[in-house]
Amino acid sequence: IPALYIIGAALKRIPKVPDWVIPFALGALSIAACLCLIGPGIDAVLQG
């Protein structure tokens, strides 16, 4: 959660990244991170 917050704040400061892209990017990164942390499965996707 705090890692995503920081990444989202950084993405917000990049002029060429539209605001609507940020939640989708954070969602994808979050799912990937949770898959790495707790292993493959639907639980990891839901946690992401």
All heavy atoms as atom14 arrays in JSON, in Angstrom:
{
  "sequence": "IPALYIIGAALKRIPKVPDWVIPFALGALSIAACLCLIGPGIDAVLQG",
  "atom14_mask": [
    [1, 1, 1, 1, 1, 1, 1, 1, 0, 0, 0, 0, 0, 0],
    [1, 1, 1, 1, 1, 1, 1, 0, 0, 0, 0, 0, 0, 0],
    [1, 1, 1, 1, 1, 0, 0, 0, 0, 0, 0, 0, 0, 0],
    [1, 1, 1, 1, 1, 1, 1, 1, 0, 0, 0, 0, 0, 0],
    [1, 1, 1, 1, 1, 1, 1, 1, 1, 1, 1, 1, 0, 0],
    [1, 1, 1, 1, 1, 1, 1, 1, 0, 0, 0, 0, 0, 0],
    [1, 1, 1, 1, 1, 1, 1, 1, 0, 0, 0, 0, 0, 0],
    [1, 1, 1, 1, 0, 0, 0, 0, 0, 0, 0, 0, 0, 0],
    [1, 1, 1, 1, 1, 0, 0, 0, 0, 0, 0, 0, 0, 0],
    [1, 1, 1, 1, 1, 0, 0, 0, 0, 0, 0, 0, 0, 0],
    [1, 1, 1, 1, 1, 1, 1, 1, 0, 0, 0, 0, 0, 0],
    [1, 1, 1, 1, 1, 1, 1, 1, 1, 0, 0, 0, 0, 0],
    [1, 1, 1, 1, 1, 1, 1, 1, 1, 1, 1, 0, 0, 0],
    [1, 1, 1, 1, 1, 1, 1, 1, 0, 0, 0, 0, 0, 0],
    [1, 1, 1, 1, 1, 1, 1, 0, 0, 0, 0, 0, 0, 0],
    [1, 1, 1, 1, 1, 1, 1, 1, 1, 0, 0, 0, 0, 0],
    [1, 1, 1, 1, 1, 1, 1, 0, 0, 0, 0, 0, 0, 0],
    [1, 1, 1, 1, 1, 1, 1, 0, 0, 0, 0, 0, 0, 0],
    [1, 1, 1, 1, 1, 1, 1, 1, 0, 0, 0, 0, 0, 0],
    [1, 1, 1, 1, 1, 1, 1, 1, 1, 1, 1, 1, 1, 1],
    [1, 1, 1, 1, 1, 1, 1, 0, 0, 0, 0, 0, 0, 0],
    [1, 1, 1, 1, 1, 1, 1, 1, 0, 0, 0, 0, 0, 0],
    [1, 1, 1, 1, 1, 1, 1, 0, 0, 0, 0, 0, 0, 0],
    [1, 1, 1, 1, 1, 1, 1, 1, 1, 1, 1, 0, 0, 0],
    [1, 1, 1, 1, 1, 0, 0, 0, 0, 0, 0, 0, 0, 0],
    [1, 1, 1, 1, 1, 1, 1, 1, 0, 0, 0, 0, 0, 0],
    [1, 1, 1, 1, 0, 0, 0, 0, 0, 0, 0, 0, 0, 0],
    [1, 1, 1, 1, 1, 0, 0, 0, 0, 0, 0, 0, 0, 0],
    [1, 1, 1, 1, 1, 1, 1, 1, 0, 0, 0, 0, 0, 0],
    [1, 1, 1, 1, 1, 1, 0, 0, 0, 0, 0, 0, 0, 0],
    [1, 1, 1, 1, 1, 1, 1, 1, 0, 0, 0, 0, 0, 0],
    [1, 1, 1, 1, 1, 0, 0, 0, 0, 0, 0, 0, 0, 0],
    [1, 1, 1, 1, 1, 0, 0, 0, 0, 0, 0, 0, 0, 0],
    [1, 1, 1, 1, 1, 1, 0, 0, 0, 0, 0, 0, 0, 0],
    [1, 1, 1, 1, 1, 1, 1, 1, 0, 0, 0, 0, 0, 0],
    [1, 1, 1, 1, 1, 1, 0, 0, 0, 0, 0, 0, 0, 0],
    [1, 1, 1, 1, 1, 1, 1, 1, 0, 0, 0, 0, 0, 0],
    [1, 1, 1, 1, 1, 1, 1, 1, 0, 0, 0, 0, 0, 0],
    [1, 1, 1, 1, 0, 0, 0, 0, 0, 0, 0, 0, 0, 0],
    [1, 1, 1, 1, 1, 1, 1, 0, 0, 0, 0, 0, 0, 0],
    [1, 1, 1, 1, 0, 0, 0, 0, 0, 0, 0, 0, 0, 0],
    [1, 1, 1, 1, 1, 1, 1, 1, 0, 0, 0, 0, 0, 0],
    [1, 1, 1, 1, 1, 1, 1, 1, 0, 0, 0, 0, 0, 0],
    [1, 1, 1, 1, 1, 0, 0, 0, 0, 0, 0, 0, 0, 0],
    [1, 1, 1, 1, 1, 1, 1, 0, 0, 0, 0, 0, 0, 0],
    [1, 1, 1, 1, 1, 1, 1, 1, 0, 0, 0, 0, 0, 0],
    [1, 1, 1, 1, 1, 1, 1, 1, 1, 0, 0, 0, 0, 0],
    [1, 1, 1, 1, 0, 0, 0, 0, 0, 0, 0, 0, 0, 0]
  ],
  "atom14_positions": [
    [[0.82, -1.22, 0.0], [0.0, 0.0, 0.0], [0.86, 1.27, 0.0], [0.68, 2.11, -0.88], [-1.01, -0.02, 1.16], [-1.98, -1.19, 0.99], [-1.78, 1.3, 1.23], [-2.86, -1.46, 2.18], [0.0, 0.0, 0.0], [0.0, 0.0, 0.0], [0.0, 0.0, 0.0], [0.0, 0.0, 0.0], [0.0, 0.0, 0.0], [0.0, 0.0, 0.0]],
    [[1.79, 1.45, 0.94], [2.6, 2.67, 0.87], [3.49, 2.72, -0.37], [3.76, 3.8, -0.9], [3.42, 2.66, 2.16], [3.28, 1.31, 2.72], [2.07, 0.68, 2.14], [0.0, 0.0, 0.0], [0.0, 0.0, 0.0], [0.0, 0.0, 0.0], [0.0, 0.0, 0.0], [0.0, 0.0, 0.0], [0.0, 0.0, 0.0], [0.0, 0.0, 0.0]],
    [[3.95, 1.56, -0.83], [4.77, 1.54, -2.05], [3.96, 2.04, -3.23], [4.44, 2.85, -4.04], [5.29, 0.13, -2.31], [0.0, 0.0, 0.0], [0.0, 0.0, 0.0], [0.0, 0.0, 0.0], [0.0, 0.0, 0.0], [0.0, 0.0, 0.0], [0.0, 0.0, 0.0], [0.0, 0.0, 0.0], [0.0, 0.0, 0.0], [0.0, 0.0, 0.0]],
    [[2.71, 1.61, -3.34], [1.84, 2.07, -4.42], [1.54, 3.56, -4.29], [1.45, 4.27, -5.3], [0.53, 1.29, -4.43], [0.61, -0.17, -4.84], [-0.75, -0.83, -4.64], [1.06, -0.3, -6.27], [0.0, 0.0, 0.0], [0.0, 0.0, 0.0], [0.0, 0.0, 0.0], [0.0, 0.0, 0.0], [0.0, 0.0, 0.0], [0.0, 0.0, 0.0]],
    [[1.37, 4.02, -3.08], [1.12, 5.45, -2.85], [2.27, 6.29, -3.4], [2.08, 7.28, -4.09], [0.92, 5.71, -1.36], [0.52, 7.13, -1.05], [-0.81, 7.5, -1.06], [1.48, 8.09, -0.77], [-1.19, 8.8, -0.77], [1.12, 9.4, -0.49], [-0.21, 9.74, -0.49], [-0.57, 11.04, -0.23], [0.0, 0.0, 0.0], [0.0, 0.0, 0.0]],
    [[3.49, 5.86, -3.11], [4.68, 6.58, -3.57], [4.8, 6.5, -5.09], [5.09, 7.5, -5.76], [5.94, 6.02, -2.87], [5.88, 6.36, -1.38], [7.21, 6.57, -3.51], [6.89, 5.61, -0.54], [0.0, 0.0, 0.0], [0.0, 0.0, 0.0], [0.0, 0.0, 0.0], [0.0, 0.0, 0.0], [0.0, 0.0, 0.0], [0.0, 0.0, 0.0]],
    [[4.57, 5.32, -5.65], [4.63, 5.16, -7.11], [3.56, 6.02, -7.78], [3.83, 6.66, -8.8], [4.48, 3.67, -7.5], [5.7, 2.89, -7.03], [4.28, 3.52, -9.01], [5.55, 1.38, -7.1], [0.0, 0.0, 0.0], [0.0, 0.0, 0.0], [0.0, 0.0, 0.0], [0.0, 0.0, 0.0], [0.0, 0.0, 0.0], [0.0, 0.0, 0.0]],
    [[2.37, 6.04, -7.21], [1.3, 6.87, -7.77], [1.64, 8.34, -7.74], [1.38, 9.07, -8.7], [0.0, 0.0, 0.0], [0.0, 0.0, 0.0], [0.0, 0.0, 0.0], [0.0, 0.0, 0.0], [0.0, 0.0, 0.0], [0.0, 0.0, 0.0], [0.0, 0.0, 0.0], [0.0, 0.0, 0.0], [0.0, 0.0, 0.0], [0.0, 0.0, 0.0]],
    [[2.24, 8.79, -6.64], [2.66, 10.19, -6.54], [3.73, 10.51, -7.57], [3.73, 11.59, -8.17], [3.16, 10.49, -5.13], [0.0, 0.0, 0.0], [0.0, 0.0, 0.0], [0.0, 0.0, 0.0], [0.0, 0.0, 0.0], [0.0, 0.0, 0.0], [0.0, 0.0, 0.0], [0.0, 0.0, 0.0], [0.0, 0.0, 0.0], [0.0, 0.0, 0.0]],
    [[4.64, 9.57, -7.8], [5.68, 9.78, -8.8], [5.08, 9.82, -10.21], [5.45, 10.67, -11.03], [6.73, 8.67, -8.71], [0.0, 0.0, 0.0], [0.0, 0.0, 0.0], [0.0, 0.0, 0.0], [0.0, 0.0, 0.0], [0.0, 0.0, 0.0], [0.0, 0.0, 0.0], [0.0, 0.0, 0.0], [0.0, 0.0, 0.0], [0.0, 0.0, 0.0]],
    [[4.14, 8.93, -10.49], [3.49, 8.93, -11.81], [2.71, 10.21, -12.05], [2.65, 10.72, -13.17], [2.56, 7.72, -11.94], [3.22, 6.36, -12.1], [2.16, 5.25, -12.07], [4.02, 6.29, -13.39], [0.0, 0.0, 0.0], [0.0, 0.0, 0.0], [0.0, 0.0, 0.0], [0.0, 0.0, 0.0], [0.0, 0.0, 0.0], [0.0, 0.0, 0.0]],
    [[2.12, 10.75, -11.0], [1.35, 11.98, -11.11], [2.23, 13.15, -11.55], [1.77, 14.06, -12.24], [0.69, 12.29, -9.76], [-0.16, 13.51, -9.72], [-1.46, 13.27, -10.44], [-2.37, 14.47, -10.24], [-3.48, 14.46, -11.13], [0.0, 0.0, 0.0], [0.0, 0.0, 0.0], [0.0, 0.0, 0.0], [0.0, 0.0, 0.0], [0.0, 0.0, 0.0]],
    [[3.5, 13.12, -11.18], [4.42, 14.21, -11.51], [5.0, 14.1, -12.93], [5.65, 15.02, -13.4], [5.56, 14.26, -10.5], [5.09, 14.66, -9.13], [6.24, 14.68, -8.16], [5.76, 14.98, -6.83], [5.8, 16.18, -6.29], [6.26, 17.19, -6.95], [5.35, 16.36, -5.06], [0.0, 0.0, 0.0], [0.0, 0.0, 0.0], [0.0, 0.0, 0.0]],
    [[4.77, 12.98, -13.6], [5.27, 12.82, -14.96], [4.24, 13.42, -15.91], [3.1, 12.94, -15.98], [5.52, 11.33, -15.3], [6.56, 10.74, -14.35], [5.95, 11.18, -16.76], [6.75, 9.24, -14.49], [0.0, 0.0, 0.0], [0.0, 0.0, 0.0], [0.0, 0.0, 0.0], [0.0, 0.0, 0.0], [0.0, 0.0, 0.0], [0.0, 0.0, 0.0]],
    [[4.61, 14.48, -16.63], [3.62, 15.2, -17.45], [2.94, 14.36, -18.53], [1.78, 14.59, -18.86], [4.43, 16.32, -18.1], [5.69, 16.41, -17.34], [5.92, 15.09, -16.68], [0.0, 0.0, 0.0], [0.0, 0.0, 0.0], [0.0, 0.0, 0.0], [0.0, 0.0, 0.0], [0.0, 0.0, 0.0], [0.0, 0.0, 0.0], [0.0, 0.0, 0.0]],
    [[3.63, 13.38, -19.09], [3.05, 12.61, -20.2], [2.17, 11.45, -19.74], [1.62, 10.74, -20.58], [4.16, 12.1, -21.11], [4.86, 13.23, -21.83], [5.75, 12.72, -22.91], [6.34, 13.92, -23.64], [6.98, 13.56, -24.87], [0.0, 0.0, 0.0], [0.0, 0.0, 0.0], [0.0, 0.0, 0.0], [0.0, 0.0, 0.0], [0.0, 0.0, 0.0]],
    [[2.03, 11.25, -18.44], [1.17, 10.17, -17.94], [-0.19, 10.76, -17.6], [-0.31, 11.55, -16.66], [1.79, 9.5, -16.69], [0.85, 8.44, -16.13], [3.14, 8.9, -17.01], [0.0, 0.0, 0.0], [0.0, 0.0, 0.0], [0.0, 0.0, 0.0], [0.0, 0.0, 0.0], [0.0, 0.0, 0.0], [0.0, 0.0, 0.0], [0.0, 0.0, 0.0]],
    [[-1.24, 10.38, -18.36], [-2.58, 10.9, -18.06], [-3.07, 10.38, -16.7], [-2.73, 9.26, -16.3], [-3.45, 10.37, -19.19], [-2.55, 9.72, -20.17], [-1.22, 9.53, -19.53], [0.0, 0.0, 0.0], [0.0, 0.0, 0.0], [0.0, 0.0, 0.0], [0.0, 0.0, 0.0], [0.0, 0.0, 0.0], [0.0, 0.0, 0.0], [0.0, 0.0, 0.0]],
    [[-3.89, 11.16, -16.03], [-4.39, 10.78, -14.71], [-5.17, 9.46, -14.73], [-5.1, 8.7, -13.77], [-5.28, 11.89, -14.14], [-4.47, 13.1, -13.7], [-3.24, 12.98, -13.57], [-5.09, 14.15, -13.48], [0.0, 0.0, 0.0], [0.0, 0.0, 0.0], [0.0, 0.0, 0.0], [0.0, 0.0, 0.0], [0.0, 0.0, 0.0], [0.0, 0.0, 0.0]],
    [[-5.89, 9.2, -15.8], [-6.72, 7.99, -15.85], [-5.87, 6.72, -15.92], [-6.35, 5.63, -15.62], [-7.72, 8.04, -16.99], [-7.09, 8.03, -18.37], [-6.75, 9.12, -19.11], [-6.74, 6.88, -19.14], [-6.21, 8.72, -20.3], [-6.19, 7.35, -20.35], [-6.85, 5.52, -18.94], [-5.74, 6.5, -21.34], [-6.4, 4.66, -19.93], [-5.85, 5.15, -21.12]],
    [[-4.62, 6.84, -16.31], [-3.74, 5.67, -16.43], [-3.24, 5.21, -15.06], [-2.99, 4.03, -14.84], [-2.55, 6.0, -17.36], [-1.49, 4.91, -17.34], [-3.04, 6.25, -18.77], [0.0, 0.0, 0.0], [0.0, 0.0, 0.0], [0.0, 0.0, 0.0], [0.0, 0.0, 0.0], [0.0, 0.0, 0.0], [0.0, 0.0, 0.0], [0.0, 0.0, 0.0]],
    [[-3.11, 6.15, -14.13], [-2.48, 5.86, -12.85], [-3.19, 4.75, -12.07], [-2.52, 3.8, -11.62], [-2.31, 7.15, -12.01], [-1.37, 8.11, -12.74], [-1.79, 6.84, -10.61], [-1.26, 9.5, -12.14], [0.0, 0.0, 0.0], [0.0, 0.0, 0.0], [0.0, 0.0, 0.0], [0.0, 0.0, 0.0], [0.0, 0.0, 0.0], [0.0, 0.0, 0.0]],
    [[-4.51, 4.78, -11.89], [-5.14, 3.67, -11.14], [-4.96, 2.31, -11.82], [-4.78, 1.29, -11.13], [-6.62, 4.05, -11.09], [-6.66, 5.5, -11.34], [-5.48, 5.82, -12.2], [0.0, 0.0, 0.0], [0.0, 0.0, 0.0], [0.0, 0.0, 0.0], [0.0, 0.0, 0.0], [0.0, 0.0, 0.0], [0.0, 0.0, 0.0], [0.0, 0.0, 0.0]],
    [[-4.97, 2.28, -13.15], [-4.77, 1.0, -13.85], [-3.33, 0.5, -13.67], [-3.11, -0.7, -13.45], [-5.09, 1.16, -15.33], [-6.55, 1.35, -15.6], [-7.04, 2.6, -15.93], [-7.44, 0.3, -15.5], [-8.38, 2.79, -16.16], [-8.79, 0.48, -15.73], [-9.27, 1.73, -16.06], [0.0, 0.0, 0.0], [0.0, 0.0, 0.0], [0.0, 0.0, 0.0]],
    [[-2.37, 1.41, -13.74], [-0.97, 1.03, -13.53], [-0.76, 0.53, -12.11], [-0.09, -0.48, -11.89], [-0.05, 2.22, -13.82], [0.0, 0.0, 0.0], [0.0, 0.0, 0.0], [0.0, 0.0, 0.0], [0.0, 0.0, 0.0], [0.0, 0.0, 0.0], [0.0, 0.0, 0.0], [0.0, 0.0, 0.0], [0.0, 0.0, 0.0], [0.0, 0.0, 0.0]],
    [[-1.34, 1.23, -11.14], [-1.21, 0.81, -9.74], [-1.88, -0.54, -9.51], [-1.37, -1.37, -8.76], [-1.8, 1.86, -8.81], [-1.06, 3.19, -8.75], [-1.76, 4.14, -7.78], [0.39, 3.01, -8.38], [0.0, 0.0, 0.0], [0.0, 0.0, 0.0], [0.0, 0.0, 0.0], [0.0, 0.0, 0.0], [0.0, 0.0, 0.0], [0.0, 0.0, 0.0]],
    [[-2.99, -0.77, -10.16], [-3.68, -2.06, -10.03], [-2.82, -3.2, -10.57], [-2.68, -4.24, -9.92], [0.0, 0.0, 0.0], [0.0, 0.0, 0.0], [0.0, 0.0, 0.0], [0.0, 0.0, 0.0], [0.0, 0.0, 0.0], [0.0, 0.0, 0.0], [0.0, 0.0, 0.0], [0.0, 0.0, 0.0], [0.0, 0.0, 0.0], [0.0, 0.0, 0.0]],
    [[-2.24, -2.99, -11.73], [-1.39, -4.03, -12.32], [-0.15, -4.28, -11.47], [0.22, -5.44, -11.21], [-0.99, -3.63, -13.74], [0.0, 0.0, 0.0], [0.0, 0.0, 0.0], [0.0, 0.0, 0.0], [0.0, 0.0, 0.0], [0.0, 0.0, 0.0], [0.0, 0.0, 0.0], [0.0, 0.0, 0.0], [0.0, 0.0, 0.0], [0.0, 0.0, 0.0]],
    [[0.49, -3.21, -11.01], [1.67, -3.36, -10.15], [1.32, -4.04, -8.83], [2.08, -4.87, -8.33], [2.29, -1.99, -9.87], [3.02, -1.34, -11.03], [3.38, 0.11, -10.68], [4.26, -2.12, -11.38], [0.0, 0.0, 0.0], [0.0, 0.0, 0.0], [0.0, 0.0, 0.0], [0.0, 0.0, 0.0], [0.0, 0.0, 0.0], [0.0, 0.0, 0.0]],
    [[0.17, -3.7, -8.29], [-0.25, -4.27, -7.02], [-0.52, -5.77, -7.15], [-0.1, -6.56, -6.29], [-1.51, -3.56, -6.53], [-1.94, -4.09, -5.31], [0.0, 0.0, 0.0], [0.0, 0.0, 0.0], [0.0, 0.0, 0.0], [0.0, 0.0, 0.0], [0.0, 0.0, 0.0], [0.0, 0.0, 0.0], [0.0, 0.0, 0.0], [0.0, 0.0, 0.0]],
    [[-1.19, -6.16, -8.21], [-1.45, -7.58, -8.43], [-0.14, -8.33, -8.61], [0.06, -9.41, -8.04], [-2.41, -7.78, -9.62], [-3.8, -7.28, -9.24], [-2.45, -9.25, -10.04], [-4.77, -7.19, -10.41], [0.0, 0.0, 0.0], [0.0, 0.0, 0.0], [0.0, 0.0, 0.0], [0.0, 0.0, 0.0], [0.0, 0.0, 0.0], [0.0, 0.0, 0.0]],
    [[0.76, -7.75, -9.39], [2.07, -8.39, -9.61], [2.83, -8.53, -8.29], [3.43, -9.58, -8.01], [2.88, -7.59, -10.62], [0.0, 0.0, 0.0], [0.0, 0.0, 0.0], [0.0, 0.0, 0.0], [0.0, 0.0, 0.0], [0.0, 0.0, 0.0], [0.0, 0.0, 0.0], [0.0, 0.0, 0.0], [0.0, 0.0, 0.0], [0.0, 0.0, 0.0]],
    [[2.81, -7.49, -7.48], [3.53, -7.53, -6.19], [2.93, -8.59, -5.27], [3.67, -9.35, -4.63], [3.48, -6.16, -5.52], [0.0, 0.0, 0.0], [0.0, 0.0, 0.0], [0.0, 0.0, 0.0], [0.0, 0.0, 0.0], [0.0, 0.0, 0.0], [0.0, 0.0, 0.0], [0.0, 0.0, 0.0], [0.0, 0.0, 0.0], [0.0, 0.0, 0.0]],
    [[1.61, -8.65, -5.21], [0.97, -9.65, -4.33], [1.18, -11.06, -4.85], [1.32, -11.99, -4.05], [-0.51, -9.32, -4.17], [-0.79, -7.87, -3.13], [0.0, 0.0, 0.0], [0.0, 0.0, 0.0], [0.0, 0.0, 0.0], [0.0, 0.0, 0.0], [0.0, 0.0, 0.0], [0.0, 0.0, 0.0], [0.0, 0.0, 0.0], [0.0, 0.0, 0.0]],
    [[1.23, -11.23, -6.16], [1.55, -12.56, -6.71], [2.95, -12.99, -6.29], [3.18, -14.16, -5.98], [1.42, -12.55, -8.23], [0.0, -12.58, -8.79], [0.0, -12.28, -10.28], [-0.65, -13.93, -8.52], [0.0, 0.0, 0.0], [0.0, 0.0, 0.0], [0.0, 0.0, 0.0], [0.0, 0.0, 0.0], [0.0, 0.0, 0.0], [0.0, 0.0, 0.0]],
    [[3.88, -12.03, -6.28], [5.25, -12.34, -5.85], [5.32, -12.62, -4.35], [6.09, -13.48, -3.92], [6.18, -11.19, -6.21], [6.48, -11.0, -7.97], [0.0, 0.0, 0.0], [0.0, 0.0, 0.0], [0.0, 0.0, 0.0], [0.0, 0.0, 0.0], [0.0, 0.0, 0.0], [0.0, 0.0, 0.0], [0.0, 0.0, 0.0], [0.0, 0.0, 0.0]],
    [[4.55, -11.88, -3.58], [4.62, -12.0, -2.12], [3.94, -13.25, -1.58], [4.47, -13.9, -0.67], [4.0, -10.77, -1.45], [4.8, -9.49, -1.54], [3.97, -8.31, -1.03], [6.08, -9.62, -0.73], [0.0, 0.0, 0.0], [0.0, 0.0, 0.0], [0.0, 0.0, 0.0], [0.0, 0.0, 0.0], [0.0, 0.0, 0.0], [0.0, 0.0, 0.0]],
    [[2.76, -13.59, -2.12], [2.02, -14.72, -1.54], [1.83, -15.89, -2.49], [1.19, -16.87, -2.14], [0.66, -14.27, -0.95], [-0.27, -13.69, -2.0], [0.87, -13.3, 0.17], [-1.65, -13.35, -1.47], [0.0, 0.0, 0.0], [0.0, 0.0, 0.0], [0.0, 0.0, 0.0], [0.0, 0.0, 0.0], [0.0, 0.0, 0.0], [0.0, 0.0, 0.0]],
    [[2.38, -15.77, -3.69], [2.32, -16.88, -4.64], [1.11, -16.78, -5.55], [0.19, -15.99, -5.31], [0.0, 0.0, 0.0], [0.0, 0.0, 0.0], [0.0, 0.0, 0.0], [0.0, 0.0, 0.0], [0.0, 0.0, 0.0], [0.0, 0.0, 0.0], [0.0, 0.0, 0.0], [0.0, 0.0, 0.0], [0.0, 0.0, 0.0], [0.0, 0.0, 0.0]],
    [[1.13, -17.59, -6.59], [0.04, -17.54, -7.58], [-1.27, -18.04, -6.99], [-1.29, -18.93, -6.15], [0.53, -18.44, -8.7], [1.57, -19.31, -8.1], [2.15, -18.56, -6.94], [0.0, 0.0, 0.0], [0.0, 0.0, 0.0], [0.0, 0.0, 0.0], [0.0, 0.0, 0.0], [0.0, 0.0, 0.0], [0.0, 0.0, 0.0], [0.0, 0.0, 0.0]],
    [[-2.33, -17.42, -7.45], [-3.66, -17.83, -7.01], [-4.62, -16.66, -6.98], [-4.21, -15.49, -7.08], [0.0, 0.0, 0.0], [0.0, 0.0, 0.0], [0.0, 0.0, 0.0], [0.0, 0.0, 0.0], [0.0, 0.0, 0.0], [0.0, 0.0, 0.0], [0.0, 0.0, 0.0], [0.0, 0.0, 0.0], [0.0, 0.0, 0.0], [0.0, 0.0, 0.0]],
    [[-5.87, -16.98, -6.85], [-6.9, -15.96, -6.85], [-6.77, -15.06, -5.62], [-7.09, -13.87, -5.68], [-8.32, -16.57, -6.96], [-9.38, -15.5, -7.24], [-8.69, -17.35, -5.72], [-9.29, -14.87, -8.58], [0.0, 0.0, 0.0], [0.0, 0.0, 0.0], [0.0, 0.0, 0.0], [0.0, 0.0, 0.0], [0.0, 0.0, 0.0], [0.0, 0.0, 0.0]],
    [[-6.3, -15.61, -4.51], [-6.11, -14.79, -3.3], [-5.13, -13.66, -3.54], [-5.34, -12.54, -3.08], [-5.61, -15.65, -2.14], [-6.68, -16.57, -1.59], [-7.87, -16.32, -1.86], [-6.33, -17.55, -0.9], [0.0, 0.0, 0.0], [0.0, 0.0, 0.0], [0.0, 0.0, 0.0], [0.0, 0.0, 0.0], [0.0, 0.0, 0.0], [0.0, 0.0, 0.0]],
    [[-4.06, -13.94, -4.27], [-3.07, -12.9, -4.57], [-3.66, -11.81, -5.44], [-3.4, -10.62, -5.24], [-1.85, -13.52, -5.24], [0.0, 0.0, 0.0], [0.0, 0.0, 0.0], [0.0, 0.0, 0.0], [0.0, 0.0, 0.0], [0.0, 0.0, 0.0], [0.0, 0.0, 0.0], [0.0, 0.0, 0.0], [0.0, 0.0, 0.0], [0.0, 0.0, 0.0]],
    [[-4.48, -12.2, -6.4], [-5.12, -11.22, -7.28], [-6.08, -10.34, -6.47], [-6.07, -9.12, -6.59], [-5.86, -11.91, -8.44], [-6.63, -10.9, -9.28], [-4.87, -12.67, -9.33], [0.0, 0.0, 0.0], [0.0, 0.0, 0.0], [0.0, 0.0, 0.0], [0.0, 0.0, 0.0], [0.0, 0.0, 0.0], [0.0, 0.0, 0.0], [0.0, 0.0, 0.0]],
    [[-6.87, -10.97, -5.61], [-7.8, -10.21, -4.78], [-7.06, -9.29, -3.81], [-7.46, -8.14, -3.6], [-8.72, -11.15, -4.0], [-9.73, -11.92, -4.85], [-10.47, -12.94, -4.0], [-10.69, -10.98, -5.53], [0.0, 0.0, 0.0], [0.0, 0.0, 0.0], [0.0, 0.0, 0.0], [0.0, 0.0, 0.0], [0.0, 0.0, 0.0], [0.0, 0.0, 0.0]],
    [[-5.97, -9.77, -3.24], [-5.16, -8.93, -2.35], [-4.58, -7.75, -3.12], [-4.51, -6.64, -2.6], [-4.04, -9.74, -1.7], [-4.52, -10.76, -0.7], [-5.24, -10.13, 0.47], [-4.74, -9.24, 1.12], [-6.44, -10.6, 0.75], [0.0, 0.0, 0.0], [0.0, 0.0, 0.0], [0.0, 0.0, 0.0], [0.0, 0.0, 0.0], [0.0, 0.0, 0.0]],
    [[-4.17, -7.99, -4.36], [-3.64, -6.91, -5.19], [-4.68, -5.84, -5.46], [-4.4, -4.64, -5.38], [0.0, 0.0, 0.0], [0.0, 0.0, 0.0], [0.0, 0.0, 0.0], [0.0, 0.0, 0.0], [0.0, 0.0, 0.0], [0.0, 0.0, 0.0], [0.0, 0.0, 0.0], [0.0, 0.0, 0.0], [0.0, 0.0, 0.0], [0.0, 0.0, 0.0]]
  ]
}
